[in-house]
């Protein structure tokens, strides 16, 4: 591990335009399953009146997942600049309410560059570090959390509202459309085809040990075509979508208790906007961790569903169409189902996409998602009633 650390210090970090000073620390940061993330702190050379330590987030883009890292960076650059402009116009704090990319030393006024490629072909980028804010992890079904500064908040409502605001802010992103960084990413029909391929290849002979899960998925193939078809036929408009709206991708301000900043922008691309609502519901309403082995603990919280819906619709009611509104309950179930499909497919493929730390890790993850689907199916009427009520 030291060699990587040394390599970063010698040949990656110096290529970014940072404050001048000494590296105080470089530590792994966060809990992402895809990219490698570090927090870098620099002890400033004497500067009167400014903070002594300046921190950054250094990230390696996983180019096995994001096979077109240059396009990813082009998207992130356009999104963060557009958000900064919006925040500036409404008198917000640009340094805290959006991620800010740090230019590289190679940058010039005409050509800003925001990533470096190391000698091993890895792509690295640097963001400002947003302090005084916290990401609240999944599986903590508490309605009321106290921030570090003692504010009482409902992180679910805040997250729902922040993701909707994010979509609202990007609604007028000027053309061209963003790159589709992972083709078919949020398309449940495409994911179903990938699952079928994994099943027919059965490269590791694992299918025989998860027949009930496989059958459960096969029984729901029709439903997985509904939303992609509505989007394809233009019945639902294509909008800028985040595509990874787990509740811990929102930073909540410790001082105000308000949703502050949306992070993890690699999957932002054109698509099905209500997917973001569905994915937020999937991750926020879970009563247990995504890889909980004891399925009796796994379930769906109706209460949290209502909070996320309240937060999301408080902003989204201003831009969603009637047809999008009518599919909010289905999309929550479909995103959850699709995650189950993806975990199950990865299990059948021999765990090539998601990091695993134990045998059958992806199968356990698939089972939690599919159990959530069962519970959402059982609660469909009540969920619809909640959405109806909020639509007024």
Protein backbone atom coordinates (compact mmCIF):
# COMPACT_ATOMS: atom_id res chain seq x y z
CA UNK A 1 0.00 0.00 0.00
CA UNK A 2 2.90 2.30 0.75
CA UNK A 3 4.01 2.19 -2.84
CA UNK A 4 0.64 3.60 -3.97
CA UNK A 5 0.80 6.28 -1.31
CA UNK A 6 4.31 7.23 -2.45
CA UNK A 7 3.24 7.20 -6.08
CA UNK A 8 0.33 9.54 -5.36
CA UNK A 9 2.58 11.91 -3.42
CA UNK A 10 5.27 11.87 -6.08
CA UNK A 11 3.45 11.83 -9.37
CA UNK A 12 -0.28 12.55 -8.98
CA UNK A 13 -0.85 15.14 -6.24
CA UNK A 14 1.80 17.61 -7.49
CA UNK A 15 0.01 17.77 -10.85
CA UNK A 16 -2.99 19.58 -9.36
CA UNK A 17 -3.15 23.29 -8.50
CA UNK A 18 -3.42 23.14 -4.74
CA UNK A 19 -2.60 25.64 -2.00
CA UNK A 20 1.12 25.67 -1.32
CA UNK A 21 2.20 23.79 1.74
CA UNK A 22 3.12 20.38 3.12
CA UNK A 23 0.98 17.26 2.92
CA UNK A 24 -0.32 16.69 6.43
CA UNK A 25 -2.30 13.51 5.69
CA UNK A 26 -3.56 11.29 2.91
CA UNK A 27 -6.24 8.83 4.04
CA UNK A 28 -8.78 6.56 2.36
CA UNK A 29 -12.22 8.20 2.59
CA UNK A 30 -15.88 7.17 2.33
CA UNK A 31 -17.51 3.86 1.53
CA UNK A 32 -17.93 3.77 -2.25
CA UNK A 33 -17.91 0.37 -3.95
CA UNK A 34 -16.58 1.63 -7.28
CA UNK A 35 -13.95 4.41 -7.20
CA UNK A 36 -10.95 4.77 -4.86
CA UNK A 37 -11.30 7.89 -2.75
CA UNK A 38 -8.81 9.67 -0.50
CA UNK A 39 -8.93 12.74 1.68
CA UNK A 40 -5.85 14.88 1.28
CA UNK A 41 -5.01 17.56 3.84
CA UNK A 42 -2.38 20.18 3.28
CA UNK A 43 -0.81 22.31 5.97
CA UNK A 44 -0.63 25.76 4.44
CA UNK A 45 2.51 27.79 4.36
CA UNK A 46 2.08 30.85 6.57
CA UNK A 47 -1.06 32.69 5.47
CA UNK A 48 -2.58 35.25 7.76
CA UNK A 49 -6.26 34.89 8.52
CA UNK A 50 -6.98 31.79 6.46
CA UNK A 51 -7.45 28.31 7.86
CA UNK A 52 -4.19 26.44 8.36
CA UNK A 53 -5.28 23.14 6.86
CA UNK A 54 -6.92 22.86 3.46
CA UNK A 55 -8.47 19.55 2.47
CA UNK A 56 -9.30 17.96 -0.86
CA UNK A 57 -10.87 14.77 -2.15
CA UNK A 58 -8.62 12.80 -4.51
CA UNK A 59 -10.35 10.13 -6.56
CA UNK A 60 -9.34 7.46 -9.00
CA UNK A 61 -12.04 6.85 -11.59
CA UNK A 62 -12.59 3.11 -11.91
CA UNK A 63 -12.07 2.77 -15.67
CA UNK A 64 -13.23 -0.84 -15.71
CA UNK A 65 -16.69 0.44 -14.75
CA UNK A 66 -16.46 3.84 -16.46
CA UNK A 67 -14.80 2.73 -19.67
CA UNK A 68 -14.86 6.31 -21.00
CA UNK A 69 -13.34 8.35 -18.19
CA UNK A 70 -12.77 11.39 -20.41
CA UNK A 71 -16.51 11.55 -21.09
CA UNK A 72 -17.24 11.11 -17.39
CA UNK A 73 -14.99 14.06 -16.63
CA UNK A 74 -16.57 16.16 -19.36
CA UNK A 75 -20.00 15.50 -17.79
CA UNK A 76 -18.82 16.25 -14.26
CA UNK A 77 -17.18 19.46 -15.40
CA UNK A 78 -20.32 20.68 -17.19
CA UNK A 79 -22.63 19.70 -14.33
CA UNK A 80 -20.54 21.29 -11.56
CA UNK A 81 -20.05 24.51 -13.55
CA UNK A 82 -23.77 24.78 -14.29
CA UNK A 83 -24.65 24.14 -10.64
CA UNK A 84 -22.08 26.72 -9.48
CA UNK A 85 -23.68 29.29 -11.77
CA UNK A 86 -27.17 28.54 -10.38
CA UNK A 87 -25.98 28.65 -6.78
CA UNK A 88 -24.14 31.92 -7.37
CA UNK A 89 -27.29 33.47 -8.88
CA UNK A 90 -29.43 32.58 -5.90
CA UNK A 91 -26.82 33.86 -3.46
CA UNK A 92 -25.73 30.45 -2.16
CA UNK A 93 -22.27 29.27 -1.13
CA UNK A 94 -20.58 27.96 -4.28
CA UNK A 95 -17.77 26.33 -2.30
CA UNK A 96 -20.12 24.18 -0.27
CA UNK A 97 -23.29 23.60 -2.29
CA UNK A 98 -21.63 21.86 -5.21
CA UNK A 99 -18.48 19.85 -5.76
CA UNK A 100 -15.74 21.95 -7.31
CA UNK A 101 -13.11 20.37 -9.55
CA UNK A 102 -9.53 21.49 -8.98
CA UNK A 103 -7.66 22.33 -12.20
CA UNK A 104 -4.40 20.58 -13.03
CA UNK A 105 -1.06 22.32 -13.42
CA UNK A 106 -1.33 21.77 -17.19
CA UNK A 107 -4.45 23.98 -17.29
CA UNK A 108 -4.53 27.30 -19.08
CA UNK A 109 -7.22 29.98 -19.33
CA UNK A 110 -8.28 28.63 -22.74
CA UNK A 111 -8.08 24.96 -21.86
CA UNK A 112 -8.92 23.98 -18.32
CA UNK A 113 -7.92 20.41 -17.49
CA UNK A 114 -9.37 18.60 -14.48
CA UNK A 115 -7.84 15.14 -14.49
CA UNK A 116 -4.41 13.56 -14.73
CA UNK A 117 -3.48 10.12 -16.05
CA UNK A 118 -0.75 8.35 -14.08
CA UNK A 119 1.94 6.09 -15.56
CA UNK A 120 -0.32 3.06 -15.04
CA UNK A 121 -3.15 4.57 -17.07
CA UNK A 122 -5.31 5.48 -14.06
CA UNK A 123 -7.42 8.62 -14.21
CA UNK A 124 -7.32 10.88 -11.13
CA UNK A 125 -9.30 14.00 -10.24
CA UNK A 126 -9.38 16.34 -7.27
CA UNK A 127 -12.35 18.10 -5.63
CA UNK A 128 -12.51 20.65 -2.86
CA UNK A 129 -13.39 18.99 0.47
CA UNK A 130 -16.68 20.22 1.92
CA UNK A 131 -16.33 20.55 5.67
CA UNK A 132 -19.05 20.98 8.29
CA UNK A 133 -21.32 18.54 6.47
CA UNK A 134 -22.19 14.89 6.96
CA UNK A 135 -23.43 12.04 4.80
CA UNK A 136 -25.88 9.85 6.74
CA UNK A 137 -25.49 6.15 5.98
CA UNK A 138 -28.16 3.74 4.73
CA UNK A 139 -30.05 1.47 7.07
CA UNK A 140 -30.47 3.95 9.89
CA UNK A 141 -34.24 4.26 9.91
CA UNK A 142 -34.23 7.17 12.35
CA UNK A 143 -36.67 9.94 11.50
CA UNK A 144 -34.81 12.31 13.59
CA UNK A 145 -31.08 12.69 13.56
CA UNK A 146 -29.10 15.24 15.44
CA UNK A 147 -26.41 16.94 13.38
CA UNK A 148 -23.00 17.60 14.92
CA UNK A 149 -24.21 21.12 15.70
CA UNK A 150 -27.30 19.82 17.48
CA UNK A 151 -29.90 20.51 14.78
CA UNK A 152 -32.70 17.93 14.62
CA UNK A 153 -33.35 16.80 11.06
CA UNK A 154 -35.09 14.18 9.00
CA UNK A 155 -32.30 13.11 6.61
CA UNK A 156 -34.76 11.27 4.35
CA UNK A 157 -36.90 14.30 3.64
CA UNK A 158 -33.76 16.39 3.13
CA UNK A 159 -32.29 13.86 0.70
CA UNK A 160 -35.51 13.60 -1.31
CA UNK A 161 -35.70 17.39 -1.61
CA UNK A 162 -32.00 17.78 -2.46
CA UNK A 163 -32.13 15.23 -5.29
CA UNK A 164 -35.22 16.92 -6.76
CA UNK A 165 -33.54 20.34 -6.49
CA UNK A 166 -30.51 18.87 -8.29
CA UNK A 167 -32.74 17.80 -11.19
CA UNK A 168 -34.46 21.18 -11.20
CA UNK A 169 -31.10 22.99 -11.30
CA UNK A 170 -29.93 20.90 -14.24
CA UNK A 171 -33.18 21.17 -16.20
CA UNK A 172 -31.77 24.03 -18.27
CA UNK A 173 -28.28 22.64 -18.80
CA UNK A 174 -27.42 23.96 -22.27
CA UNK A 175 -26.89 21.46 -25.12
CA UNK A 176 -25.35 19.15 -26.17
CA UNK A 177 -26.84 16.42 -24.00
CA UNK A 178 -24.47 14.82 -21.51
CA UNK A 179 -22.58 11.68 -22.49
CA UNK A 180 -24.19 8.38 -21.56
CA UNK A 181 -21.25 7.25 -19.44
CA UNK A 182 -22.51 3.68 -18.95
CA UNK A 183 -24.87 2.82 -21.81
CA UNK A 184 -28.13 1.31 -20.58
CA UNK A 185 -27.20 1.98 -16.97
CA UNK A 186 -30.67 2.80 -15.66
CA UNK A 187 -32.52 0.72 -18.26
CA UNK A 188 -34.23 -2.20 -16.55
CA UNK A 189 -34.80 -3.95 -19.91
CA UNK A 190 -31.07 -3.82 -20.68
CA UNK A 191 -30.30 -5.08 -17.16
CA UNK A 192 -32.70 -7.94 -17.71
CA UNK A 193 -30.84 -8.94 -20.87
CA UNK A 194 -27.54 -8.84 -18.94
CA UNK A 195 -29.08 -11.06 -16.27
CA UNK A 196 -30.29 -13.52 -18.95
CA UNK A 197 -26.79 -13.65 -20.44
CA UNK A 198 -25.24 -14.31 -17.01
CA UNK A 199 -27.80 -17.03 -16.43
CA UNK A 200 -27.29 -18.80 -19.75
CA UNK A 201 -23.49 -18.66 -19.42
CA UNK A 202 -23.55 -19.72 -15.75
CA UNK A 203 -19.75 -19.51 -15.83
CA UNK A 204 -19.22 -20.74 -12.27
CA UNK A 205 -22.04 -23.26 -11.98
CA UNK A 206 -23.77 -21.16 -9.35
CA UNK A 207 -27.26 -21.11 -10.89
CA UNK A 208 -28.25 -24.44 -9.34
CA UNK A 209 -27.87 -22.95 -5.85
CA UNK A 210 -30.10 -19.94 -6.41
CA UNK A 211 -33.06 -21.28 -8.37
CA UNK A 212 -35.80 -19.53 -6.31
CA UNK A 213 -34.12 -16.14 -6.81
CA UNK A 214 -33.67 -16.80 -10.53
CA UNK A 215 -37.32 -17.80 -10.94
CA UNK A 216 -38.48 -14.74 -8.98
CA UNK A 217 -36.63 -12.53 -11.48
CA UNK A 218 -37.84 -14.39 -14.57
CA UNK A 219 -41.44 -13.97 -13.39
CA UNK A 220 -41.04 -10.19 -13.50
CA UNK A 221 -39.53 -9.72 -16.94
CA UNK A 222 -42.62 -8.00 -18.42
CA UNK A 223 -42.66 -5.35 -15.74
CA UNK A 224 -39.02 -4.48 -16.39
CA UNK A 225 -39.95 -3.28 -19.90
CA UNK A 226 -42.63 -0.77 -18.90
CA UNK A 227 -40.53 2.29 -17.99
CA UNK A 228 -37.82 1.95 -20.66
CA UNK A 229 -40.58 1.73 -23.27
CA UNK A 230 -42.33 4.90 -22.01
CA UNK A 231 -39.01 6.74 -22.22
CA UNK A 232 -38.16 5.29 -25.63
CA UNK A 233 -41.56 6.21 -27.08
CA UNK A 234 -41.18 9.77 -25.79
CA UNK A 235 -44.19 9.45 -23.50
CA UNK A 236 -41.92 10.37 -20.60
CA UNK A 237 -39.34 13.11 -21.36
CA UNK A 238 -35.62 12.45 -21.09
CA UNK A 239 -34.10 14.56 -18.31
CA UNK A 240 -30.73 14.94 -16.61
CA UNK A 241 -30.65 12.18 -14.02
CA UNK A 242 -28.19 11.46 -11.18
CA UNK A 243 -28.63 7.65 -11.21
CA UNK A 244 -27.02 6.95 -7.84
CA UNK A 245 -29.28 8.64 -5.31
CA UNK A 246 -28.48 6.73 -2.20
CA UNK A 247 -29.09 8.85 0.83
CA UNK A 248 -25.38 9.06 1.64
CA UNK A 249 -24.75 10.86 -1.67
CA UNK A 250 -26.25 13.96 -0.06
CA UNK A 251 -24.15 16.01 2.32
CA UNK A 252 -26.29 17.57 5.03
CA UNK A 253 -25.11 20.81 6.57
CA UNK A 254 -24.19 20.28 10.25
CA UNK A 255 -25.18 23.84 11.11
CA UNK A 256 -28.54 24.20 9.33
CA UNK A 257 -29.59 20.55 9.01
CA UNK A 258 -30.49 21.21 5.36
CA UNK A 259 -29.49 19.13 2.35
CA UNK A 260 -26.37 20.96 1.16
CA UNK A 261 -24.67 19.23 -1.72
CA UNK A 262 -25.21 16.27 -4.05
CA UNK A 263 -22.05 14.21 -4.53
CA UNK A 264 -20.88 11.25 -6.64
CA UNK A 265 -21.63 12.64 -10.08
CA UNK A 266 -20.11 9.97 -12.35
CA UNK A 267 -23.42 8.48 -13.41
CA UNK A 268 -25.14 11.80 -14.13
CA UNK A 269 -26.55 11.42 -17.65
CA UNK A 270 -29.72 11.83 -19.68
CA UNK A 271 -32.47 9.39 -18.72
CA UNK A 272 -35.48 8.63 -16.59
CA UNK A 273 -35.68 11.35 -13.94
CA UNK A 274 -38.01 9.42 -11.65
CA UNK A 275 -35.31 6.71 -11.45
CA UNK A 276 -33.67 9.04 -8.93
CA UNK A 277 -36.77 8.95 -6.76
CA UNK A 278 -36.86 5.15 -7.04
CA UNK A 279 -33.23 4.69 -6.11
CA UNK A 280 -33.54 7.05 -3.17
CA UNK A 281 -36.54 5.05 -1.95
CA UNK A 282 -34.66 1.78 -2.47
CA UNK A 283 -31.71 2.82 -0.35
CA UNK A 284 -33.51 4.95 2.25
CA UNK A 285 -36.41 2.63 3.08
CA UNK A 286 -34.21 -0.41 3.68
CA UNK A 287 -34.43 -1.58 7.29
CA UNK A 288 -31.14 -3.45 7.04
CA UNK A 289 -27.76 -3.24 5.32
CA UNK A 290 -27.61 -4.04 1.62
CA UNK A 291 -25.75 -7.27 2.36
CA UNK A 292 -27.61 -8.39 5.51
CA UNK A 293 -27.52 -12.20 5.68
CA UNK A 294 -30.44 -12.55 8.08
CA UNK A 295 -33.45 -11.93 5.83
CA UNK A 296 -35.81 -11.60 8.80
CA UNK A 297 -34.14 -8.24 9.44
CA UNK A 298 -34.61 -7.10 5.85
CA UNK A 299 -37.68 -5.03 5.10
CA UNK A 300 -39.20 -1.87 3.74
CA UNK A 301 -40.14 1.16 5.85
CA UNK A 302 -43.40 2.76 4.76
CA UNK A 303 -42.70 5.68 7.05
CA UNK A 304 -39.41 6.44 5.32
CA UNK A 305 -41.10 6.05 1.93
CA UNK A 306 -43.47 8.82 2.94
CA UNK A 307 -40.62 11.11 4.07
CA UNK A 308 -38.61 10.64 0.87
CA UNK A 309 -41.75 11.21 -1.20
CA UNK A 310 -42.58 14.36 0.79
CA UNK A 311 -39.09 15.76 0.27
CA UNK A 312 -38.85 14.81 -3.39
CA UNK A 313 -42.32 16.02 -4.37
CA UNK A 314 -41.91 19.29 -2.46
CA UNK A 315 -39.65 20.31 -5.39
CA UNK A 316 -40.45 17.81 -8.16
CA UNK A 317 -44.13 18.69 -8.27
CA UNK A 318 -42.90 21.77 -10.17
CA UNK A 319 -41.50 19.85 -13.12
CA UNK A 320 -42.70 16.22 -13.31
CA UNK A 321 -45.41 15.34 -15.82
CA UNK A 322 -48.64 13.56 -14.82
CA UNK A 323 -47.36 10.29 -16.35
CA UNK A 324 -44.10 10.50 -14.38
CA UNK A 325 -46.07 11.05 -11.17
CA UNK A 326 -48.23 8.02 -11.92
CA UNK A 327 -45.15 5.79 -12.11
CA UNK A 328 -43.39 6.83 -8.89
CA UNK A 329 -44.48 3.69 -7.03
CA UNK A 330 -43.55 1.38 -9.90
CA UNK A 331 -40.16 3.02 -10.34
CA UNK A 332 -39.28 2.48 -6.67
CA UNK A 333 -40.02 -1.21 -7.05
CA UNK A 334 -38.29 -1.49 -10.43
CA UNK A 335 -35.07 0.17 -9.33
CA UNK A 336 -34.97 -2.18 -6.34
CA UNK A 337 -35.74 -5.18 -8.55
CA UNK A 338 -33.09 -4.10 -11.06
CA UNK A 339 -30.46 -3.85 -8.32
CA UNK A 340 -31.40 -7.37 -7.28
CA UNK A 341 -30.95 -8.46 -10.91
CA UNK A 342 -27.55 -6.81 -11.08
CA UNK A 343 -26.31 -8.39 -7.87
CA UNK A 344 -27.63 -11.78 -8.97
CA UNK A 345 -26.05 -11.43 -12.42
CA UNK A 346 -22.71 -10.48 -10.84
CA UNK A 347 -22.97 -13.52 -8.55
CA UNK A 348 -23.55 -15.75 -11.59
CA UNK A 349 -20.68 -14.04 -13.44
CA UNK A 350 -18.25 -14.75 -10.59
CA UNK A 351 -18.26 -11.37 -8.80
CA UNK A 352 -16.56 -9.20 -11.39
CA UNK A 353 -18.30 -5.85 -10.83
CA UNK A 354 -18.98 -5.29 -7.13
CA UNK A 355 -16.28 -5.69 -4.51
CA UNK A 356 -16.97 -8.77 -2.37
CA UNK A 357 -15.45 -9.76 0.97
CA UNK A 358 -17.02 -13.17 1.45
CA UNK A 359 -18.50 -16.14 -0.36
CA UNK A 360 -21.96 -15.52 -1.87
CA UNK A 361 -21.66 -11.84 -1.00
CA UNK A 362 -23.50 -10.73 -4.16
CA UNK A 363 -26.16 -13.40 -3.68
CA UNK A 364 -26.80 -12.00 -0.19
CA UNK A 365 -27.07 -8.52 -1.69
CA UNK A 366 -29.50 -9.80 -4.35
CA UNK A 367 -31.65 -11.47 -1.70
CA UNK A 368 -32.06 -8.28 0.33
CA UNK A 369 -33.22 -6.41 -2.78
CA UNK A 370 -35.67 -9.11 -3.85
CA UNK A 371 -37.15 -9.29 -0.37
CA UNK A 372 -37.66 -5.52 -0.52
CA UNK A 373 -39.48 -6.01 -3.84
CA UNK A 374 -41.82 -8.54 -2.20
CA UNK A 375 -42.62 -6.02 0.53
CA UNK A 376 -43.16 -3.17 -1.93
CA UNK A 377 -45.53 -5.36 -3.94
CA UNK A 378 -47.50 -6.10 -0.79
CA UNK A 379 -47.69 -2.37 0.05
CA UNK A 380 -48.45 -1.03 -3.40
CA UNK A 381 -51.89 0.38 -2.59
CA UNK A 382 -50.72 2.24 0.48
CA UNK A 383 -47.72 3.65 -1.44
CA UNK A 384 -50.03 4.88 -4.20
CA UNK A 385 -52.27 6.52 -1.62
CA UNK A 386 -49.31 8.39 -0.15
CA UNK A 387 -48.26 9.73 -3.57
CA UNK A 388 -51.88 10.70 -4.33
CA UNK A 389 -52.09 12.59 -1.06
CA UNK A 390 -48.88 14.50 -1.77
CA UNK A 391 -49.99 15.40 -5.30
CA UNK A 392 -52.99 17.10 -3.70
